[in-house]
PDB file of N, CA and C in Angstrom:
ATOM      1  N   UNK A   1     -90.871 -21.417 -17.483  1.00  0.00           N
ATOM      2  CA  UNK A   1     -91.899 -20.641 -16.603  1.00  0.00           C
ATOM      3  C   UNK A   1     -92.235 -19.563 -17.544  1.00  0.00           C
ATOM      4  N   UNK A   2     -93.559 -19.279 -17.935  1.00  0.00           N
ATOM      5  CA  UNK A   2     -93.999 -18.159 -18.601  1.00  0.00           C
ATOM      6  C   UNK A   2     -94.675 -17.043 -17.564  1.00  0.00           C
ATOM      7  N   UNK A   3     -93.917 -15.756 -17.659  1.00  0.00           N
ATOM      8  CA  UNK A   3     -94.345 -14.943 -16.659  1.00  0.00           C
ATOM      9  C   UNK A   3     -94.673 -13.626 -17.528  1.00  0.00           C
ATOM     10  N   UNK A   4     -95.841 -13.078 -17.280  1.00  0.00           N
ATOM     11  CA  UNK A   4     -96.368 -11.887 -17.844  1.00  0.00           C
ATOM     12  C   UNK A   4     -96.750 -10.863 -16.592  1.00  0.00           C
ATOM     13  N   UNK A   5     -96.550  -9.644 -16.820  1.00  0.00           N
ATOM     14  CA  UNK A   5     -96.901  -8.643 -15.745  1.00  0.00           C
ATOM     15  C   UNK A   5     -97.855  -7.653 -16.697  1.00  0.00           C
ATOM     16  N   UNK A   6     -99.010  -7.326 -16.031  1.00  0.00           N
ATOM     17  CA  UNK A   6     -99.983  -6.243 -16.591  1.00  0.00           C
ATOM     18  C   UNK A   6    -100.001  -5.211 -15.743  1.00  0.00           C
ATOM     19  N   UNK A   7    -100.023  -3.827 -16.384  1.00  0.00           N
ATOM     20  CA  UNK A   7    -100.272  -2.557 -15.525  1.00  0.00           C
ATOM     21  C   UNK A   7     -99.927  -1.396 -16.500  1.00  0.00           C
ATOM     22  N   UNK A   8     -99.749  -0.370 -15.753  1.00  0.00           N
ATOM     23  CA  UNK A   8     -99.487   1.006 -16.364  1.00  0.00           C
ATOM     24  C   UNK A   8     -98.032   1.279 -15.776  1.00  0.00           C
ATOM     25  N   UNK A   9     -97.152   1.709 -16.710  1.00  0.00           N
ATOM     26  CA  UNK A   9     -95.743   1.947 -16.311  1.00  0.00           C
ATOM     27  C   UNK A   9     -95.576   3.110 -15.366  1.00  0.00           C
ATOM     28  N   UNK A  10     -96.372   3.988 -15.203  1.00  0.00           N
ATOM     29  CA  UNK A  10     -96.024   4.920 -13.957  1.00  0.00           C
ATOM     30  C   UNK A  10     -96.677   4.675 -12.865  1.00  0.00           C
ATOM     31  N   UNK A  11     -97.212   3.517 -12.568  1.00  0.00           N
ATOM     32  CA  UNK A  11     -97.874   3.254 -11.309  1.00  0.00           C
ATOM     33  C   UNK A  11     -96.672   2.781 -10.313  1.00  0.00           C
ATOM     34  N   UNK A  12     -96.753   3.333  -9.141  1.00  0.00           N
ATOM     35  CA  UNK A  12     -95.693   3.266  -8.114  1.00  0.00           C
ATOM     36  C   UNK A  12     -95.458   1.819  -7.814  1.00  0.00           C
ATOM     37  N   UNK A  13     -96.696   1.058  -7.616  1.00  0.00           N
ATOM     38  CA  UNK A  13     -96.559  -0.284  -7.114  1.00  0.00           C
ATOM     39  C   UNK A  13     -96.096  -1.117  -8.176  1.00  0.00           C
ATOM     40  N   UNK A  14     -96.397  -0.871  -9.362  1.00  0.00           N
ATOM     41  CA  UNK A  14     -95.879  -1.630 -10.475  1.00  0.00           C
ATOM     42  C   UNK A  14     -94.383  -1.534 -10.596  1.00  0.00           C
ATOM     43  N   UNK A  15     -93.912  -0.217 -10.487  1.00  0.00           N
ATOM     44  CA  UNK A  15     -92.492  -0.088 -10.376  1.00  0.00           C
ATOM     45  C   UNK A  15     -91.755  -0.816  -9.388  1.00  0.00           C
ATOM     46  N   UNK A  16     -92.308  -0.945  -8.235  1.00  0.00           N
ATOM     47  CA  UNK A  16     -91.715  -1.777  -7.144  1.00  0.00           C
ATOM     48  C   UNK A  16     -91.535  -3.237  -7.614  1.00  0.00           C
ATOM     49  N   UNK A  17     -92.659  -3.837  -8.175  1.00  0.00           N
ATOM     50  CA  UNK A  17     -92.593  -5.118  -8.609  1.00  0.00           C
ATOM     51  C   UNK A  17     -91.642  -5.335  -9.673  1.00  0.00           C
ATOM     52  N   UNK A  18     -91.552  -4.541 -10.756  1.00  0.00           N
ATOM     53  CA  UNK A  18     -90.633  -4.648 -11.803  1.00  0.00           C
ATOM     54  C   UNK A  18     -89.191  -4.583 -11.242  1.00  0.00           C
ATOM     55  N   UNK A  19     -88.848  -3.679 -10.303  1.00  0.00           N
ATOM     56  CA  UNK A  19     -87.629  -3.560  -9.945  1.00  0.00           C
ATOM     57  C   UNK A  19     -87.230  -4.839  -8.920  1.00  0.00           C
ATOM     58  N   UNK A  20     -88.265  -5.436  -8.139  1.00  0.00           N
ATOM     59  CA  UNK A  20     -88.012  -6.683  -7.477  1.00  0.00           C
ATOM     60  C   UNK A  20     -87.717  -7.861  -8.510  1.00  0.00           C
ATOM     61  N   UNK A  21     -88.452  -7.848  -9.602  1.00  0.00           N
ATOM     62  CA  UNK A  21     -88.004  -8.864 -10.733  1.00  0.00           C
ATOM     63  C   UNK A  21     -86.686  -8.719 -11.302  1.00  0.00           C
ATOM     64  N   UNK A  22     -86.406  -7.284 -11.519  1.00  0.00           N
ATOM     65  CA  UNK A  22     -85.074  -7.150 -12.311  1.00  0.00           C
ATOM     66  C   UNK A  22     -83.870  -7.374 -11.358  1.00  0.00           C
ATOM     67  N   UNK A  23     -84.008  -7.036 -10.095  1.00  0.00           N
ATOM     68  CA  UNK A  23     -82.943  -7.381  -9.079  1.00  0.00           C
ATOM     69  C   UNK A  23     -82.572  -8.822  -8.899  1.00  0.00           C
ATOM     70  N   UNK A  24     -83.700  -9.699  -9.398  1.00  0.00           N
ATOM     71  CA  UNK A  24     -83.370 -11.121  -9.297  1.00  0.00           C
ATOM     72  C   UNK A  24     -83.277 -11.677 -10.746  1.00  0.00           C
ATOM     73  N   UNK A  25     -83.011 -10.908 -11.676  1.00  0.00           N
ATOM     74  CA  UNK A  25     -82.841 -11.411 -13.033  1.00  0.00           C
ATOM     75  C   UNK A  25     -84.118 -12.341 -13.509  1.00  0.00           C
ATOM     76  N   UNK A  26     -85.253 -11.875 -13.222  1.00  0.00           N
ATOM     77  CA  UNK A  26     -86.354 -12.736 -13.622  1.00  0.00           C
ATOM     78  C   UNK A  26     -86.883 -11.974 -14.780  1.00  0.00           C
ATOM     79  N   UNK A  27     -87.080 -12.774 -15.903  1.00  0.00           N
ATOM     80  CA  UNK A  27     -87.486 -12.226 -17.152  1.00  0.00           C
ATOM     81  C   UNK A  27     -88.990 -12.339 -17.192  1.00  0.00           C
ATOM     82  N   UNK A  28     -89.700 -11.448 -17.833  1.00  0.00           N
ATOM     83  CA  UNK A  28     -90.985 -11.549 -17.968  1.00  0.00           C
ATOM     84  C   UNK A  28     -91.568 -10.544 -19.119  1.00  0.00           C
ATOM     85  N   UNK A  29     -92.716 -10.631 -19.536  1.00  0.00           N
ATOM     86  CA  UNK A  29     -93.296  -9.784 -20.666  1.00  0.00           C
ATOM     87  C   UNK A  29     -94.117  -8.830 -19.933  1.00  0.00           C
ATOM     88  N   UNK A  30     -94.032  -7.592 -20.336  1.00  0.00           N
ATOM     89  CA  UNK A  30     -95.025  -6.488 -19.804  1.00  0.00           C
ATOM     90  C   UNK A  30     -96.006  -6.075 -20.739  1.00  0.00           C
ATOM     91  N   UNK A  31     -97.232  -6.097 -20.314  1.00  0.00           N
ATOM     92  CA  UNK A  31     -98.296  -5.594 -21.006  1.00  0.00           C
ATOM     93  C   UNK A  31     -98.761  -4.272 -20.377  1.00  0.00           C
ATOM     94  N   UNK A  32     -98.656  -3.221 -21.304  1.00  0.00           N
ATOM     95  CA  UNK A  32     -99.036  -1.869 -20.936  1.00  0.00           C
ATOM     96  C   UNK A  32    -100.613  -1.703 -21.311  1.00  0.00           C
ATOM     97  N   UNK A  33    -101.479  -1.580 -20.190  1.00  0.00           N
ATOM     98  CA  UNK A  33    -102.870  -1.418 -20.394  1.00  0.00           C
ATOM     99  C   UNK A  33    -103.125   0.002 -21.370  1.00  0.00           C
ATOM    100  N   UNK A  34    -102.347   0.949 -21.046  1.00  0.00           N
ATOM    101  CA  UNK A  34    -102.603   2.294 -21.707  1.00  0.00           C
ATOM    102  C   UNK A  34    -102.483   2.120 -23.218  1.00  0.00           C
ATOM    103  N   UNK A  35    -101.487   1.412 -23.614  1.00  0.00           N
ATOM    104  CA  UNK A  35    -101.108   1.177 -25.037  1.00  0.00           C
ATOM    105  C   UNK A  35    -101.751  -0.028 -25.660  1.00  0.00           C
ATOM    106  N   UNK A  36    -101.825  -1.136 -25.049  1.00  0.00           N
ATOM    107  CA  UNK A  36    -102.319  -2.384 -25.564  1.00  0.00           C
ATOM    108  C   UNK A  36    -103.843  -2.798 -25.234  1.00  0.00           C
ATOM    109  N   UNK A  37    -104.304  -2.031 -24.205  1.00  0.00           N
ATOM    110  CA  UNK A  37    -105.744  -2.409 -23.618  1.00  0.00           C
ATOM    111  C   UNK A  37    -105.597  -3.803 -22.926  1.00  0.00           C
ATOM    112  N   UNK A  38    -106.829  -4.355 -22.634  1.00  0.00           N
ATOM    113  CA  UNK A  38    -106.997  -5.523 -22.296  1.00  0.00           C
ATOM    114  C   UNK A  38    -108.403  -6.236 -22.782  1.00  0.00           C
ATOM    115  N   UNK A  39    -108.423  -7.472 -23.062  1.00  0.00           N
ATOM    116  CA  UNK A  39    -109.591  -8.006 -23.845  1.00  0.00           C
ATOM    117  C   UNK A  39    -110.494  -8.507 -22.726  1.00  0.00           C
ATOM    118  N   UNK A  40    -111.733  -8.453 -22.868  1.00  0.00           N
ATOM    119  CA  UNK A  40    -112.605  -8.934 -21.829  1.00  0.00           C
ATOM    120  C   UNK A  40    -112.573 -10.421 -21.638  1.00  0.00           C
ATOM    121  N   UNK A  41    -112.108 -11.280 -22.583  1.00  0.00           N
ATOM    122  CA  UNK A  41    -112.023 -12.754 -22.265  1.00  0.00           C
ATOM    123  C   UNK A  41    -110.793 -12.843 -21.274  1.00  0.00           C
ATOM    124  N   UNK A  42    -109.859 -12.138 -21.246  1.00  0.00           N
ATOM    125  CA  UNK A  42    -108.703 -12.131 -20.248  1.00  0.00           C
ATOM    126  C   UNK A  42    -109.149 -11.820 -18.941  1.00  0.00           C
ATOM    127  N   UNK A  43    -109.990 -10.742 -18.871  1.00  0.00           N
ATOM    128  CA  UNK A  43    -110.608 -10.341 -17.532  1.00  0.00           C
ATOM    129  C   UNK A  43    -111.565 -11.433 -16.927  1.00  0.00           C
ATOM    130  N   UNK A  44    -112.383 -12.071 -17.757  1.00  0.00           N
ATOM    131  CA  UNK A  44    -113.182 -13.143 -17.369  1.00  0.00           C
ATOM    132  C   UNK A  44    -112.313 -14.403 -16.926  1.00  0.00           C
ATOM    133  N   UNK A  45    -111.120 -14.615 -17.568  1.00  0.00           N
ATOM    134  CA  UNK A  45    -110.455 -15.736 -17.039  1.00  0.00           C
ATOM    135  C   UNK A  45    -109.790 -15.516 -15.721  1.00  0.00           C
ATOM    136  N   UNK A  46    -109.380 -14.205 -15.487  1.00  0.00           N
ATOM    137  CA  UNK A  46    -108.713 -13.789 -14.243  1.00  0.00           C
ATOM    138  C   UNK A  46    -109.774 -13.832 -13.298  1.00  0.00           C
ATOM    139  N   UNK A  47    -110.924 -13.513 -13.582  1.00  0.00           N
ATOM    140  CA  UNK A  47    -112.134 -13.470 -12.539  1.00  0.00           C
ATOM    141  C   UNK A  47    -112.496 -14.823 -11.989  1.00  0.00           C
ATOM    142  N   UNK A  48    -112.091 -15.927 -12.858  1.00  0.00           N
ATOM    143  CA  UNK A  48    -112.343 -17.203 -12.440  1.00  0.00           C
ATOM    144  C   UNK A  48    -111.444 -17.727 -11.369  1.00  0.00           C
ATOM    145  N   UNK A  49    -110.314 -16.880 -11.342  1.00  0.00           N
ATOM    146  CA  UNK A  49    -109.230 -17.274 -10.184  1.00  0.00           C
ATOM    147  C   UNK A  49    -109.403 -16.314  -8.865  1.00  0.00           C
ATOM    148  N   UNK A  50    -109.586 -15.163  -9.236  1.00  0.00           N
ATOM    149  CA  UNK A  50    -109.845 -14.182  -8.108  1.00  0.00           C
ATOM    150  C   UNK A  50    -111.195 -13.439  -8.382  1.00  0.00           C
ATOM    151  N   UNK A  51    -111.794 -12.876  -7.408  1.00  0.00           N
ATOM    152  CA  UNK A  51    -113.064 -12.270  -7.665  1.00  0.00           C
ATOM    153  C   UNK A  51    -112.790 -10.997  -8.538  1.00  0.00           C
ATOM    154  N   UNK A  52    -113.940 -10.584  -9.066  1.00  0.00           N
ATOM    155  CA  UNK A  52    -113.971  -9.336  -9.856  1.00  0.00           C
ATOM    156  C   UNK A  52    -113.745  -8.219  -8.788  1.00  0.00           C
ATOM    157  N   UNK A  53    -114.226  -8.268  -7.569  1.00  0.00           N
ATOM    158  CA  UNK A  53    -114.002  -7.187  -6.635  1.00  0.00           C
ATOM    159  C   UNK A  53    -112.529  -7.088  -6.459  1.00  0.00           C
ATOM    160  N   UNK A  54    -111.677  -8.211  -6.348  1.00  0.00           N
ATOM    161  CA  UNK A  54    -110.338  -8.064  -6.203  1.00  0.00           C
ATOM    162  C   UNK A  54    -109.663  -7.389  -7.436  1.00  0.00           C
ATOM    163  N   UNK A  55    -110.107  -7.554  -8.520  1.00  0.00           N
ATOM    164  CA  UNK A  55    -109.489  -6.851  -9.703  1.00  0.00           C
ATOM    165  C   UNK A  55    -109.795  -5.446  -9.718  1.00  0.00           C
ATOM    166  N   UNK A  56    -110.954  -5.114  -9.192  1.00  0.00           N
ATOM    167  CA  UNK A  56    -111.542  -3.566  -9.397  1.00  0.00           C
ATOM    168  C   UNK A  56    -110.701  -2.845  -8.361  1.00  0.00           C
ATOM    169  N   UNK A  57    -110.132  -1.672  -8.762  1.00  0.00           N
ATOM    170  CA  UNK A  57    -109.592  -0.606  -7.797  1.00  0.00           C
ATOM    171  C   UNK A  57    -110.633   0.488  -7.604  1.00  0.00           C
ATOM    172  N   UNK A  58    -111.145   0.557  -6.478  1.00  0.00           N
ATOM    173  CA  UNK A  58    -112.249   1.683  -6.228  1.00  0.00           C
ATOM    174  C   UNK A  58    -111.466   2.753  -5.584  1.00  0.00           C
ATOM    175  N   UNK A  59    -110.298   2.685  -5.360  1.00  0.00           N
ATOM    176  CA  UNK A  59    -109.482   3.829  -4.552  1.00  0.00           C
ATOM    177  C   UNK A  59    -109.067   4.892  -5.618  1.00  0.00           C
ATOM    178  N   UNK A  60    -108.874   4.493  -6.845  1.00  0.00           N
ATOM    179  CA  UNK A  60    -108.244   5.494  -7.922  1.00  0.00           C
ATOM    180  C   UNK A  60    -109.227   6.509  -8.451  1.00  0.00           C
ATOM    181  N   UNK A  61    -108.590   7.510  -9.128  1.00  0.00           N
ATOM    182  CA  UNK A  61    -109.535   8.584  -9.654  1.00  0.00           C
ATOM    183  C   UNK A  61    -110.492   8.196 -10.726  1.00  0.00           C
ATOM    184  N   UNK A  62    -109.951   7.111 -11.420  1.00  0.00           N
ATOM    185  CA  UNK A  62    -111.001   6.823 -12.501  1.00  0.00           C
ATOM    186  C   UNK A  62    -112.373   6.276 -11.914  1.00  0.00           C
ATOM    187  N   UNK A  63    -112.194   5.505 -10.967  1.00  0.00           N
ATOM    188  CA  UNK A  63    -113.537   5.010 -10.380  1.00  0.00           C
ATOM    189  C   UNK A  63    -114.372   6.246  -9.716  1.00  0.00           C
ATOM    190  N   UNK A  64    -113.552   7.065  -9.050  1.00  0.00           N
ATOM    191  CA  UNK A  64    -114.327   8.194  -8.479  1.00  0.00           C
ATOM    192  C   UNK A  64    -115.103   9.089  -9.503  1.00  0.00           C
ATOM    193  N   UNK A  65    -114.371   9.105 -10.703  1.00  0.00           N
ATOM    194  CA  UNK A  65    -114.934   9.960 -11.817  1.00  0.00           C
ATOM    195  C   UNK A  65    -116.109   9.317 -12.431  1.00  0.00           C
ATOM    196  N   UNK A  66    -116.345   8.040 -12.326  1.00  0.00           N
ATOM    197  CA  UNK A  66    -117.344   7.374 -13.005  1.00  0.00           C
ATOM    198  C   UNK A  66    -118.799   7.989 -12.466  1.00  0.00           C
ATOM    199  N   UNK A  67    -119.715   8.089 -13.241  1.00  0.00           N
ATOM    200  CA  UNK A  67    -121.152   8.541 -12.858  1.00  0.00           C
ATOM    201  C   UNK A  67    -121.746   7.344 -11.975  1.00  0.00           C
ATOM    202  N   UNK A  68    -122.735   7.920 -11.201  1.00  0.00           N
ATOM    203  CA  UNK A  68    -123.268   7.121 -10.357  1.00  0.00           C
ATOM    204  C   UNK A  68    -124.065   5.977 -11.050  1.00  0.00           C
ATOM    205  N   UNK A  69    -124.683   6.326 -12.136  1.00  0.00           N
ATOM    206  CA  UNK A  69    -125.350   5.462 -13.087  1.00  0.00           C
ATOM    207  C   UNK A  69    -124.462   4.220 -13.414  1.00  0.00           C
ATOM    208  N   UNK A  70    -123.012   4.441 -13.774  1.00  0.00           N
ATOM    209  CA  UNK A  70    -122.128   3.484 -14.217  1.00  0.00           C
ATOM    210  C   UNK A  70    -121.769   2.550 -12.923  1.00  0.00           C
ATOM    211  N   UNK A  71    -121.808   3.256 -11.763  1.00  0.00           N
ATOM    212  CA  UNK A  71    -121.564   2.475 -10.468  1.00  0.00           C
ATOM    213  C   UNK A  71    -122.658   1.536  -9.887  1.00  0.00           C
ATOM    214  N   UNK A  72    -123.848   2.202 -10.327  1.00  0.00           N
ATOM    215  CA  UNK A  72    -125.198   1.435  -9.848  1.00  0.00           C
ATOM    216  C   UNK A  72    -125.327   0.070 -10.414  1.00  0.00           C
ATOM    217  N   UNK A  73    -125.716  -0.904  -9.398  1.00  0.00           N
ATOM    218  CA  UNK A  73    -125.979  -2.170  -9.786  1.00  0.00           C
ATOM    219  C   UNK A  73    -124.732  -2.984 -10.235  1.00  0.00           C
ATOM    220  N   UNK A  74    -123.675  -2.800  -9.742  1.00  0.00           N
ATOM    221  CA  UNK A  74    -122.406  -3.214 -10.138  1.00  0.00           C
ATOM    222  C   UNK A  74    -122.390  -4.822  -9.829  1.00  0.00           C
ATOM    223  N   UNK A  75    -122.099  -5.656 -10.924  1.00  0.00           N
ATOM    224  CA  UNK A  75    -122.180  -7.011 -10.701  1.00  0.00           C
ATOM    225  C   UNK A  75    -120.880  -7.555 -11.470  1.00  0.00           C
ATOM    226  N   UNK A  76    -120.653  -8.721 -11.658  1.00  0.00           N
ATOM    227  CA  UNK A  76    -119.348  -9.306 -12.284  1.00  0.00           C
ATOM    228  C   UNK A  76    -119.322  -8.824 -13.804  1.00  0.00           C
ATOM    229  N   UNK A  77    -120.474  -9.047 -14.559  1.00  0.00           N
ATOM    230  CA  UNK A  77    -120.604  -8.623 -15.895  1.00  0.00           C
ATOM    231  C   UNK A  77    -120.127  -7.192 -16.157  1.00  0.00           C
ATOM    232  N   UNK A  78    -121.009  -6.403 -15.377  1.00  0.00           N
ATOM    233  CA  UNK A  78    -120.747  -5.094 -15.550  1.00  0.00           C
ATOM    234  C   UNK A  78    -119.330  -4.475 -15.052  1.00  0.00           C
ATOM    235  N   UNK A  79    -118.989  -5.056 -13.904  1.00  0.00           N
ATOM    236  CA  UNK A  79    -117.525  -4.643 -13.570  1.00  0.00           C
ATOM    237  C   UNK A  79    -116.452  -5.031 -14.620  1.00  0.00           C
ATOM    238  N   UNK A  80    -116.673  -6.281 -15.198  1.00  0.00           N
ATOM    239  CA  UNK A  80    -115.519  -6.659 -16.074  1.00  0.00           C
ATOM    240  C   UNK A  80    -115.657  -5.822 -17.347  1.00  0.00           C
ATOM    241  N   UNK A  81    -116.646  -5.353 -17.770  1.00  0.00           N
ATOM    242  CA  UNK A  81    -116.977  -4.445 -18.951  1.00  0.00           C
ATOM    243  C   UNK A  81    -116.366  -2.977 -18.668  1.00  0.00           C
ATOM    244  N   UNK A  82    -116.595  -2.621 -17.420  1.00  0.00           N
ATOM    245  CA  UNK A  82    -115.988  -1.386 -17.064  1.00  0.00           C
ATOM    246  C   UNK A  82    -114.508  -1.471 -16.904  1.00  0.00           C
ATOM    247  N   UNK A  83    -113.939  -2.578 -16.518  1.00  0.00           N
ATOM    248  CA  UNK A  83    -112.420  -2.764 -16.422  1.00  0.00           C
ATOM    249  C   UNK A  83    -111.728  -2.803 -17.878  1.00  0.00           C
ATOM    250  N   UNK A  84    -112.576  -3.396 -18.789  1.00  0.00           N
ATOM    251  CA  UNK A  84    -112.089  -3.404 -20.150  1.00  0.00           C
ATOM    252  C   UNK A  84    -112.017  -1.941 -20.863  1.00  0.00           C
ATOM    253  N   UNK A  85    -113.085  -1.240 -20.424  1.00  0.00           N
ATOM    254  CA  UNK A  85    -113.137   0.083 -20.957  1.00  0.00           C
ATOM    255  C   UNK A  85    -112.198   1.101 -20.359  1.00  0.00           C
ATOM    256  N   UNK A  86    -111.910   0.982 -18.994  1.00  0.00           N
ATOM    257  CA  UNK A  86    -111.215   1.808 -18.150  1.00  0.00           C
ATOM    258  C   UNK A  86    -110.105   1.038 -17.422  1.00  0.00           C
ATOM    259  N   UNK A  87    -109.142   0.787 -18.270  1.00  0.00           N
ATOM    260  CA  UNK A  87    -107.947  -0.279 -17.638  1.00  0.00           C
ATOM    261  C   UNK A  87    -107.386   0.281 -16.457  1.00  0.00           C
ATOM    262  N   UNK A  88    -107.388   1.651 -16.195  1.00  0.00           N
ATOM    263  CA  UNK A  88    -106.633   2.001 -15.005  1.00  0.00           C
ATOM    264  C   UNK A  88    -107.413   1.715 -13.769  1.00  0.00           C
ATOM    265  N   UNK A  89    -108.668   1.223 -13.848  1.00  0.00           N
ATOM    266  CA  UNK A  89    -109.344   0.639 -12.636  1.00  0.00           C
ATOM    267  C   UNK A  89    -108.947  -0.723 -12.308  1.00  0.00           C
ATOM    268  N   UNK A  90    -108.056  -1.347 -13.007  1.00  0.00           N
ATOM    269  CA  UNK A  90    -107.628  -2.578 -12.699  1.00  0.00           C
ATOM    270  C   UNK A  90    -106.427  -2.518 -11.733  1.00  0.00           C
ATOM    271  N   UNK A  91    -106.578  -3.280 -10.645  1.00  0.00           N
ATOM    272  CA  UNK A  91    -105.665  -3.201  -9.531  1.00  0.00           C
ATOM    273  C   UNK A  91    -104.263  -3.664 -10.141  1.00  0.00           C
ATOM    274  N   UNK A  92    -103.204  -2.970  -9.816  1.00  0.00           N
ATOM    275  CA  UNK A  92    -101.830  -3.296 -10.338  1.00  0.00           C
ATOM    276  C   UNK A  92    -100.916  -3.667  -9.292  1.00  0.00           C
ATOM    277  N   UNK A  93     -99.827  -4.450  -9.814  1.00  0.00           N
ATOM    278  CA  UNK A  93     -99.746  -5.167 -11.158  1.00  0.00           C
ATOM    279  C   UNK A  93    -100.502  -6.461 -11.074  1.00  0.00           C
ATOM    280  N   UNK A  94    -100.869  -6.848 -12.110  1.00  0.00           N
ATOM    281  CA  UNK A  94    -101.292  -8.272 -12.162  1.00  0.00           C
ATOM    282  C   UNK A  94    -100.107  -9.179 -12.778  1.00  0.00           C
ATOM    283  N   UNK A  95     -99.874 -10.114 -12.083  1.00  0.00           N
ATOM    284  CA  UNK A  95     -98.714 -10.859 -12.292  1.00  0.00           C
ATOM    285  C   UNK A  95     -99.248 -12.295 -12.803  1.00  0.00           C
ATOM    286  N   UNK A  96     -98.883 -12.805 -13.908  1.00  0.00           N
ATOM    287  CA  UNK A  96     -99.341 -14.295 -14.411  1.00  0.00           C
ATOM    288  C   UNK A  96     -98.137 -14.900 -14.685  1.00  0.00           C
ATOM    289  N   UNK A  97     -98.269 -16.025 -13.912  1.00  0.00           N
ATOM    290  CA  UNK A  97     -97.164 -17.074 -13.944  1.00  0.00           C
ATOM    291  C   UNK A  97     -97.702 -18.524 -14.228  1.00  0.00           C
ATOM    292  N   UNK A  98     -97.483 -18.902 -15.548  1.00  0.00           N
ATOM    293  CA  UNK A  98     -97.955 -20.128 -16.049  1.00  0.00           C
ATOM    294  C   UNK A  98     -99.498 -20.327 -15.801  1.00  0.00           C
ATOM    295  N   UNK A  99    -100.257 -19.197 -16.195  1.00  0.00           N
ATOM    296  CA  UNK A  99    -101.681 -19.059 -16.115  1.00  0.00           C
ATOM    297  C   UNK A  99    -102.288 -18.942 -14.748  1.00  0.00           C
ATOM    298  N   UNK A 100    -101.448 -18.798 -13.664  1.00  0.00           N
ATOM    299  CA  UNK A 100    -101.986 -18.451 -12.400  1.00  0.00           C
ATOM    300  C   UNK A 100    -101.643 -16.899 -12.026  1.00  0.00           C
ATOM    301  N   UNK A 101    -102.665 -16.272 -11.526  1.00  0.00           N
ATOM    302  CA  UNK A 101    -102.489 -14.746 -11.392  1.00  0.00           C
ATOM    303  C   UNK A 101    -102.329 -14.350  -9.789  1.00  0.00           C
ATOM    304  N   UNK A 102    -101.807 -13.291  -9.680  1.00  0.00           N
ATOM    305  CA  UNK A 102    -101.653 -12.609  -8.433  1.00  0.00           C
ATOM    306  C   UNK A 102    -101.926 -11.143  -8.658  1.00  0.00           C
ATOM    307  N   UNK A 103    -102.586 -10.665  -7.711  1.00  0.00           N
ATOM    308  CA  UNK A 103    -102.939  -9.205  -7.782  1.00  0.00           C
ATOM    309  C   UNK A 103    -102.318  -8.271  -6.935  1.00  0.00           C
ATOM    310  N   UNK A 104    -101.690  -7.291  -7.234  1.00  0.00           N
ATOM    311  CA  UNK A 104    -100.836  -6.472  -6.268  1.00  0.00           C
ATOM    312  C   UNK A 104     -99.423  -6.822  -6.230  1.00  0.00           C
ATOM    313  N   UNK A 105     -98.691  -6.262  -5.310  1.00  0.00           N
ATOM    314  CA  UNK A 105     -97.281  -6.574  -5.216  1.00  0.00           C
ATOM    315  C   UNK A 105     -96.987  -6.837  -3.590  1.00  0.00           C
ATOM    316  N   UNK A 106     -96.272  -7.891  -3.292  1.00  0.00           N
ATOM    317  CA  UNK A 106     -95.846  -7.998  -2.021  1.00  0.00           C
ATOM    318  C   UNK A 106     -94.499  -8.730  -2.125  1.00  0.00           C
ATOM    319  N   UNK A 107     -93.387  -8.307  -1.564  1.00  0.00           N
ATOM    320  CA  UNK A 107     -92.069  -9.055  -1.549  1.00  0.00           C
ATOM    321  C   UNK A 107     -92.187 -10.522  -1.219  1.00  0.00           C
ATOM    322  N   UNK A 108     -93.031 -10.662   0.062  1.00  0.00           N
ATOM    323  CA  UNK A 108     -93.189 -12.036   0.662  1.00  0.00           C
ATOM    324  C   UNK A 108     -93.833 -13.049  -0.383  1.00  0.00           C
ATOM    325  N   UNK A 109     -94.963 -12.430  -1.032  1.00  0.00           N
ATOM    326  CA  UNK A 109     -95.676 -13.280  -2.010  1.00  0.00           C
ATOM    327  C   UNK A 109     -94.881 -13.583  -3.234  1.00  0.00           C
ATOM    328  N   UNK A 110     -94.101 -12.628  -3.810  1.00  0.00           N
ATOM    329  CA  UNK A 110     -93.309 -12.871  -5.002  1.00  0.00           C
ATOM    330  C   UNK A 110     -92.123 -13.818  -4.501  1.00  0.00           C
ATOM    331  N   UNK A 111     -91.479 -13.730  -3.452  1.00  0.00           N
ATOM    332  CA  UNK A 111     -90.414 -14.499  -2.942  1.00  0.00           C
ATOM    333  C   UNK A 111     -91.213 -15.872  -3.068  1.00  0.00           C
ATOM    334  N   UNK A 112     -92.235 -16.256  -2.540  1.00  0.00           N
ATOM    335  CA  UNK A 112     -92.796 -17.400  -2.566  1.00  0.00           C
ATOM    336  C   UNK A 112     -93.068 -18.069  -3.901  1.00  0.00           C
ATOM    337  N   UNK A 113     -93.521 -17.191  -4.812  1.00  0.00           N
ATOM    338  CA  UNK A 113     -93.654 -17.696  -6.278  1.00  0.00           C
ATOM    339  C   UNK A 113     -92.471 -18.065  -6.979  1.00  0.00           C
ATOM    340  N   UNK A 114     -91.291 -17.442  -6.683  1.00  0.00           N
ATOM    341  CA  UNK A 114     -90.155 -17.542  -7.284  1.00  0.00           C
ATOM    342  C   UNK A 114     -88.945 -18.290  -6.498  1.00  0.00           C
ATOM    343  N   UNK A 115     -89.415 -18.947  -5.527  1.00  0.00           N
ATOM    344  CA  UNK A 115     -88.419 -19.649  -4.608  1.00  0.00           C
ATOM    345  C   UNK A 115     -87.756 -20.802  -5.280  1.00  0.00           C
TER     346      UNK A 115
END
């Protein structure tokens, strides 16, 4: 089983997810958006499994700081390009298990993945 987690280390939800995995001795590779970024092709692949709207975090400060011009006419292509430029707007964590992705953290969902 190949497990990757994507996010920002200081994110509270990500910390909960990482703690949950650690408590169950589940090993994974962590990808830090702040240091490593994310390539557009990965975001495109993810958006084929979940909608771009699911990937986009509109509740954070990065989204609120965007200009109205940047937010205007938002579609899949524009949103994915914004996410590649502003990785903190990607909902966290992203968990990839054998090329299937889950967005966010829920103990119930993670328990189902790793049963």
